[in-house]
C-alpha atoms as a PDB file:
ATOM      1  CA  UNK A   1      94.966 129.986 112.038  1.00  0.00           C
ATOM      2  CA  UNK A   2      91.765 132.650 111.732  1.00  0.00           C
ATOM      3  CA  UNK A   3      90.522 133.990 108.250  1.00  0.00           C
ATOM      4  CA  UNK A   4      87.475 135.444 107.545  1.00  0.00           C
ATOM      5  CA  UNK A   5      85.006 134.269 105.056  1.00  0.00           C
ATOM      6  CA  UNK A   6      81.347 133.747 104.170  1.00  0.00           C
ATOM      7  CA  UNK A   7      79.212 131.562 106.152  1.00  0.00           C
ATOM      8  CA  UNK A   8      76.585 129.185 104.756  1.00  0.00           C
ATOM      9  CA  UNK A   9      74.648 129.029 107.889  1.00  0.00           C
ATOM     10  CA  UNK A  10      74.873 132.259 109.303  1.00  0.00           C
ATOM     11  CA  UNK A  11      74.686 134.056 105.324  1.00  0.00           C
ATOM     12  CA  UNK A  12      77.431 136.512 105.837  1.00  0.00           C
ATOM     13  CA  UNK A  13      80.997 137.379 106.042  1.00  0.00           C
ATOM     14  CA  UNK A  14      82.466 135.116 109.131  1.00  0.00           C
ATOM     15  CA  UNK A  15      85.711 134.677 111.134  1.00  0.00           C
ATOM     16  CA  UNK A  16      86.925 130.848 111.010  1.00  0.00           C
ATOM     17  CA  UNK A  17      89.257 128.892 112.309  1.00  0.00           C
ATOM     18  CA  UNK A  18      91.194 126.901 109.497  1.00  0.00           C
ATOM     19  CA  UNK A  19      90.566 122.911 110.778  1.00  0.00           C
ATOM     20  CA  UNK A  20      92.800 121.343 108.167  1.00  0.00           C
ATOM     21  CA  UNK A  21      94.502 122.112 104.488  1.00  0.00           C
ATOM     22  CA  UNK A  22      94.615 120.319 101.002  1.00  0.00           C
ATOM     23  CA  UNK A  23      92.792 120.789  97.933  1.00  0.00           C
ATOM     24  CA  UNK A  24      90.007 121.785  99.692  1.00  0.00           C
ATOM     25  CA  UNK A  25      90.161 123.818 103.320  1.00  0.00           C
ATOM     26  CA  UNK A  26      87.731 122.705 105.984  1.00  0.00           C
ATOM     27  CA  UNK A  27      87.246 125.658 108.680  1.00  0.00           C
ATOM     28  CA  UNK A  28      84.480 126.302 111.148  1.00  0.00           C
ATOM     29  CA  UNK A  29      83.119 129.037 111.779  1.00  0.00           C
ATOM     30  CA  UNK A  30      83.584 131.255 115.448  1.00  0.00           C
ATOM     31  CA  UNK A  31      80.152 132.580 115.315  1.00  0.00           C
ATOM     32  CA  UNK A  32      77.402 128.637 114.734  1.00  0.00           C
ATOM     33  CA  UNK A  33      80.132 126.284 114.702  1.00  0.00           C
ATOM     34  CA  UNK A  34      79.240 125.098 111.777  1.00  0.00           C
ATOM     35  CA  UNK A  35      82.215 122.858 109.630  1.00  0.00           C
ATOM     36  CA  UNK A  36      82.348 123.725 106.231  1.00  0.00           C
ATOM     37  CA  UNK A  37      84.862 123.456 103.113  1.00  0.00           C
ATOM     38  CA  UNK A  38      85.938 126.291 101.230  1.00  0.00           C
ATOM     39  CA  UNK A  39      88.367 125.906  98.232  1.00  0.00           C
ATOM     40  CA  UNK A  40      92.474 126.515  99.494  1.00  0.00           C
ATOM     41  CA  UNK A  41      93.105 130.081  97.610  1.00  0.00           C
ATOM     42  CA  UNK A  42      95.734 129.735  95.236  1.00  0.00           C
ATOM     43  CA  UNK A  43      99.360 131.763  95.699  1.00  0.00           C
ATOM     44  CA  UNK A  44     100.844 133.013  93.210  1.00  0.00           C
ATOM     45  CA  UNK A  45     103.947 131.763  91.786  1.00  0.00           C
ATOM     46  CA  UNK A  46     107.333 133.398  91.434  1.00  0.00           C
ATOM     47  CA  UNK A  47     108.034 135.436  88.203  1.00  0.00           C
ATOM     48  CA  UNK A  48     111.124 136.477  86.594  1.00  0.00           C
ATOM     49  CA  UNK A  49     111.998 139.710  85.583  1.00  0.00           C
ATOM     50  CA  UNK A  50     114.502 140.738  83.119  1.00  0.00           C
ATOM     51  CA  UNK A  51     117.590 142.185  84.667  1.00  0.00           C
ATOM     52  CA  UNK A  52     120.584 143.879  82.835  1.00  0.00           C
ATOM     53  CA  UNK A  53     123.562 142.589  84.956  1.00  0.00           C
ATOM     54  CA  UNK A  54     126.424 145.211  84.197  1.00  0.00           C
ATOM     55  CA  UNK A  55     129.897 145.024  85.895  1.00  0.00           C
ATOM     56  CA  UNK A  56     132.556 147.308  84.826  1.00  0.00           C
ATOM     57  CA  UNK A  57     133.159 147.605  80.962  1.00  0.00           C
ATOM     58  CA  UNK A  58     130.649 144.257  80.038  1.00  0.00           C
ATOM     59  CA  UNK A  59     127.324 143.223  80.844  1.00  0.00           C
ATOM     60  CA  UNK A  60     125.187 140.170  80.021  1.00  0.00           C
ATOM     61  CA  UNK A  61     120.725 139.744  80.568  1.00  0.00           C
ATOM     62  CA  UNK A  62     119.918 137.912  83.022  1.00  0.00           C
ATOM     63  CA  UNK A  63     116.734 137.065  85.673  1.00  0.00           C
ATOM     64  CA  UNK A  64     115.525 137.994  89.464  1.00  0.00           C
ATOM     65  CA  UNK A  65     112.911 136.141  90.991  1.00  0.00           C
ATOM     66  CA  UNK A  66     109.822 138.172  92.636  1.00  0.00           C
ATOM     67  CA  UNK A  67     106.147 137.594  93.686  1.00  0.00           C
ATOM     68  CA  UNK A  68     103.872 139.108  91.285  1.00  0.00           C
ATOM     69  CA  UNK A  69     102.918 141.926  93.550  1.00  0.00           C
ATOM     70  CA  UNK A  70     106.271 142.315  95.405  1.00  0.00           C
ATOM     71  CA  UNK A  71     107.748 145.945  95.231  1.00  0.00           C
ATOM     72  CA  UNK A  72     111.141 146.938  94.137  1.00  0.00           C
ATOM     73  CA  UNK A  73     113.273 150.309  94.422  1.00  0.00           C
ATOM     74  CA  UNK A  74     116.788 151.579  93.313  1.00  0.00           C
ATOM     75  CA  UNK A  75     119.466 150.366  95.906  1.00  0.00           C
ATOM     76  CA  UNK A  76     117.313 146.984  96.546  1.00  0.00           C
ATOM     77  CA  UNK A  77     120.245 144.458  96.792  1.00  0.00           C
ATOM     78  CA  UNK A  78     118.836 141.254  95.315  1.00  0.00           C
ATOM     79  CA  UNK A  79     119.914 137.789  93.780  1.00  0.00           C
ATOM     80  CA  UNK A  80     120.233 137.165  89.838  1.00  0.00           C
ATOM     81  CA  UNK A  81     120.859 134.716  87.509  1.00  0.00           C
ATOM     82  CA  UNK A  82     122.878 134.464  84.740  1.00  0.00           C
ATOM     83  CA  UNK A  83     123.122 131.407  82.532  1.00  0.00           C
ATOM     84  CA  UNK A  84     124.602 129.398  84.832  1.00  0.00           C
ATOM     85  CA  UNK A  85     125.750 131.610  87.431  1.00  0.00           C
ATOM     86  CA  UNK A  86     124.252 133.410  90.493  1.00  0.00           C
ATOM     87  CA  UNK A  87     125.241 136.778  91.539  1.00  0.00           C
ATOM     88  CA  UNK A  88     124.577 139.512  94.367  1.00  0.00           C
ATOM     89  CA  UNK A  89     123.071 142.844  92.143  1.00  0.00           C
ATOM     90  CA  UNK A  90     122.200 146.314  92.798  1.00  0.00           C
ATOM     91  CA  UNK A  91     118.733 147.299  91.674  1.00  0.00           C
ATOM     92  CA  UNK A  92     120.570 150.875  89.639  1.00  0.00           C
ATOM     93  CA  UNK A  93     117.485 151.587  87.351  1.00  0.00           C
ATOM     94  CA  UNK A  94     113.726 150.213  86.917  1.00  0.00           C
ATOM     95  CA  UNK A  95     112.094 150.359  83.515  1.00  0.00           C
ATOM     96  CA  UNK A  96     108.581 150.199  83.645  1.00  0.00           C
ATOM     97  CA  UNK A  97     107.606 150.401  79.826  1.00  0.00           C
ATOM     98  CA  UNK A  98     109.281 153.087  78.425  1.00  0.00           C
ATOM     99  CA  UNK A  99     109.377 155.059  81.775  1.00  0.00           C
ATOM    100  CA  UNK A 100     111.986 155.342  84.458  1.00  0.00           C
ATOM    101  CA  UNK A 101     110.674 155.107  88.217  1.00  0.00           C
ATOM    102  CA  UNK A 102     112.392 154.632  91.298  1.00  0.00           C
ATOM    103  CA  UNK A 103     110.101 151.751  92.768  1.00  0.00           C
ATOM    104  CA  UNK A 104     107.212 149.584  90.915  1.00  0.00           C
ATOM    105  CA  UNK A 105     105.264 146.209  91.283  1.00  0.00           C
ATOM    106  CA  UNK A 106     107.404 143.458  89.810  1.00  0.00           C
ATOM    107  CA  UNK A 107     104.281 142.673  87.297  1.00  0.00           C
ATOM    108  CA  UNK A 108     104.548 146.223  86.317  1.00  0.00           C
ATOM    109  CA  UNK A 109     108.402 146.151  85.303  1.00  0.00           C
ATOM    110  CA  UNK A 110     110.275 145.940  82.260  1.00  0.00           C
ATOM    111  CA  UNK A 111     113.167 145.645  82.863  1.00  0.00           C
ATOM    112  CA  UNK A 112     115.765 146.248  85.742  1.00  0.00           C
ATOM    113  CA  UNK A 113     119.415 147.533  85.147  1.00  0.00           C
ATOM    114  CA  UNK A 114     121.720 146.435  88.202  1.00  0.00           C
ATOM    115  CA  UNK A 115     125.494 146.086  89.273  1.00  0.00           C
ATOM    116  CA  UNK A 116     127.264 143.374  90.510  1.00  0.00           C
ATOM    117  CA  UNK A 117     127.948 143.989  94.248  1.00  0.00           C
ATOM    118  CA  UNK A 118     130.059 141.207  94.966  1.00  0.00           C
ATOM    119  CA  UNK A 119     133.649 142.125  93.958  1.00  0.00           C
ATOM    120  CA  UNK A 120     133.809 146.044  92.356  1.00  0.00           C
ATOM    121  CA  UNK A 121     136.097 147.943  90.601  1.00  0.00           C
ATOM    122  CA  UNK A 122     137.068 150.717  92.798  1.00  0.00           C
ATOM    123  CA  UNK A 123     138.464 153.501  90.443  1.00  0.00           C
ATOM    124  CA  UNK A 124     141.474 155.641  92.643  1.00  0.00           C
ATOM    125  CA  UNK A 125     143.296 158.839  91.852  1.00  0.00           C
ATOM    126  CA  UNK A 126     146.854 159.255  93.107  1.00  0.00           C
ATOM    127  CA  UNK A 127     147.837 162.974  92.594  1.00  0.00           C
ATOM    128  CA  UNK A 128     151.283 164.184  93.546  1.00  0.00           C
ATOM    129  CA  UNK A 129     150.963 167.882  92.797  1.00  0.00           C
ATOM    130  CA  UNK A 130     151.566 167.406  89.311  1.00  0.00           C
ATOM    131  CA  UNK A 131     150.711 164.386  87.854  1.00  0.00           C
ATOM    132  CA  UNK A 132     147.448 162.292  88.357  1.00  0.00           C
ATOM    133  CA  UNK A 133     148.277 158.097  88.215  1.00  0.00           C
ATOM    134  CA  UNK A 134     144.805 156.622  87.574  1.00  0.00           C
ATOM    135  CA  UNK A 135     144.201 153.169  89.496  1.00  0.00           C
ATOM    136  CA  UNK A 136     141.867 150.291  89.209  1.00  0.00           C
ATOM    137  CA  UNK A 137     141.115 148.188  92.479  1.00  0.00           C
ATOM    138  CA  UNK A 138     139.364 144.741  92.355  1.00  0.00           C
ATOM    139  CA  UNK A 139     137.304 144.578  95.610  1.00  0.00           C
ATOM    140  CA  UNK A 140     134.914 142.638  97.897  1.00  0.00           C
ATOM    141  CA  UNK A 141     131.847 144.970  97.766  1.00  0.00           C
ATOM    142  CA  UNK A 142     131.766 144.651 101.521  1.00  0.00           C
ATOM    143  CA  UNK A 143     135.503 146.246 101.550  1.00  0.00           C
ATOM    144  CA  UNK A 144     135.432 149.405 103.980  1.00  0.00           C
ATOM    145  CA  UNK A 145     137.991 152.249 102.701  1.00  0.00           C
ATOM    146  CA  UNK A 146     138.585 155.118 105.473  1.00  0.00           C
ATOM    147  CA  UNK A 147     139.826 157.853 105.091  1.00  0.00           C
ATOM    148  CA  UNK A 148     143.439 158.835 106.409  1.00  0.00           C
ATOM    149  CA  UNK A 149     144.118 155.682 106.033  1.00  0.00           C
ATOM    150  CA  UNK A 150     147.002 154.117 103.825  1.00  0.00           C
ATOM    151  CA  UNK A 151     146.434 151.291 100.972  1.00  0.00           C
ATOM    152  CA  UNK A 152     148.976 149.472  98.699  1.00  0.00           C
ATOM    153  CA  UNK A 153     147.807 149.276  94.866  1.00  0.00           C
ATOM    154  CA  UNK A 154     150.784 146.962  93.190  1.00  0.00           C
ATOM    155  CA  UNK A 155     153.928 148.873  94.274  1.00  0.00           C
ATOM    156  CA  UNK A 156     152.309 151.751  95.075  1.00  0.00           C
ATOM    157  CA  UNK A 157     151.353 153.317  98.386  1.00  0.00           C
ATOM    158  CA  UNK A 158     148.989 156.210  99.456  1.00  0.00           C
ATOM    159  CA  UNK A 159     146.583 157.418 101.922  1.00  0.00           C
ATOM    160  CA  UNK A 160     143.304 158.289 101.309  1.00  0.00           C
ATOM    161  CA  UNK A 161     142.187 162.115 101.089  1.00  0.00           C
ATOM    162  CA  UNK A 162     138.647 161.974 100.365  1.00  0.00           C
ATOM    163  CA  UNK A 163     136.009 159.671  98.804  1.00  0.00           C
ATOM    164  CA  UNK A 164     133.399 160.290  96.577  1.00  0.00           C
ATOM    165  CA  UNK A 165     130.476 158.109  96.505  1.00  0.00           C
ATOM    166  CA  UNK A 166     128.167 156.678  94.195  1.00  0.00           C
ATOM    167  CA  UNK A 167     124.750 158.898  96.124  1.00  0.00           C
ATOM    168  CA  UNK A 168     126.384 161.659  95.083  1.00  0.00           C
ATOM    169  CA  UNK A 169     128.010 162.244  98.690  1.00  0.00           C
ATOM    170  CA  UNK A 170     131.524 163.104  99.067  1.00  0.00           C
ATOM    171  CA  UNK A 171     133.615 162.171 102.438  1.00  0.00           C
ATOM    172  CA  UNK A 172     136.630 164.434 103.223  1.00  0.00           C
ATOM    173  CA  UNK A 173     136.754 163.885 107.179  1.00  0.00           C
ATOM    174  CA  UNK A 174     139.809 162.017 108.872  1.00  0.00           C
ATOM    175  CA  UNK A 175     138.001 158.205 110.027  1.00  0.00           C
ATOM    176  CA  UNK A 176     134.972 158.307 107.913  1.00  0.00           C
ATOM    177  CA  UNK A 177     134.683 155.513 106.182  1.00  0.00           C
ATOM    178  CA  UNK A 178     132.482 153.770 102.874  1.00  0.00           C
ATOM    179  CA  UNK A 179     132.099 150.015 101.784  1.00  0.00           C
ATOM    180  CA  UNK A 180     133.522 149.472  98.410  1.00  0.00           C
ATOM    181  CA  UNK A 181     130.364 149.139  96.392  1.00  0.00           C
ATOM    182  CA  UNK A 182     129.186 152.526  97.337  1.00  0.00           C
ATOM    183  CA  UNK A 183     132.258 154.473  96.581  1.00  0.00           C
ATOM    184  CA  UNK A 184     132.280 155.984  93.106  1.00  0.00           C
ATOM    185  CA  UNK A 185     136.426 157.061  92.709  1.00  0.00           C
ATOM    186  CA  UNK A 186     138.995 157.272  96.184  1.00  0.00           C
ATOM    187  CA  UNK A 187     141.445 160.406  95.931  1.00  0.00           C
ATOM    188  CA  UNK A 188     144.711 159.745  97.345  1.00  0.00           C
ATOM    189  CA  UNK A 189     148.049 161.079  97.389  1.00  0.00           C
ATOM    190  CA  UNK A 190     151.527 159.319  97.543  1.00  0.00           C
ATOM    191  CA  UNK A 191     153.849 157.896 100.112  1.00  0.00           C
END
């Protein structure tokens, strides 16, 4: 491995080859060939960032581990610890001080607002022309839903007509699909 450090023989910054690493790093100058030791650079230790982990009607305060200079942005997926439980989450909002931002370095983040994505609740509205029946499906976050396909919830069967996604888009064409964690609501009609 090569690094650029100050050489005491050449008296300037030069490329060096790393020979050995422990408390001190032994290097050889590629210019003059002299061997000397330099302090081993300290690696930054990981830090915990406070995270509010939301799951439908409840939430808990947990933490996500980051390196201090690591960048986090809305939509990123991480593993969060809430007590003794670890769960996959998606970042929904980032607080840096009193501001809400789209992305920030971990050391600047005050709080991450997240939601669980391993098992999610998908809201379904089944409309038969006169009344609308609201349902809530608990499914794995990666479960695909396809427009035009038939699904069953309890004793009700329905065909998906269209889907509203969390990013604001709507899908209406037959055959379009989306995973459960990205769906805000499914609209269908009974069979």
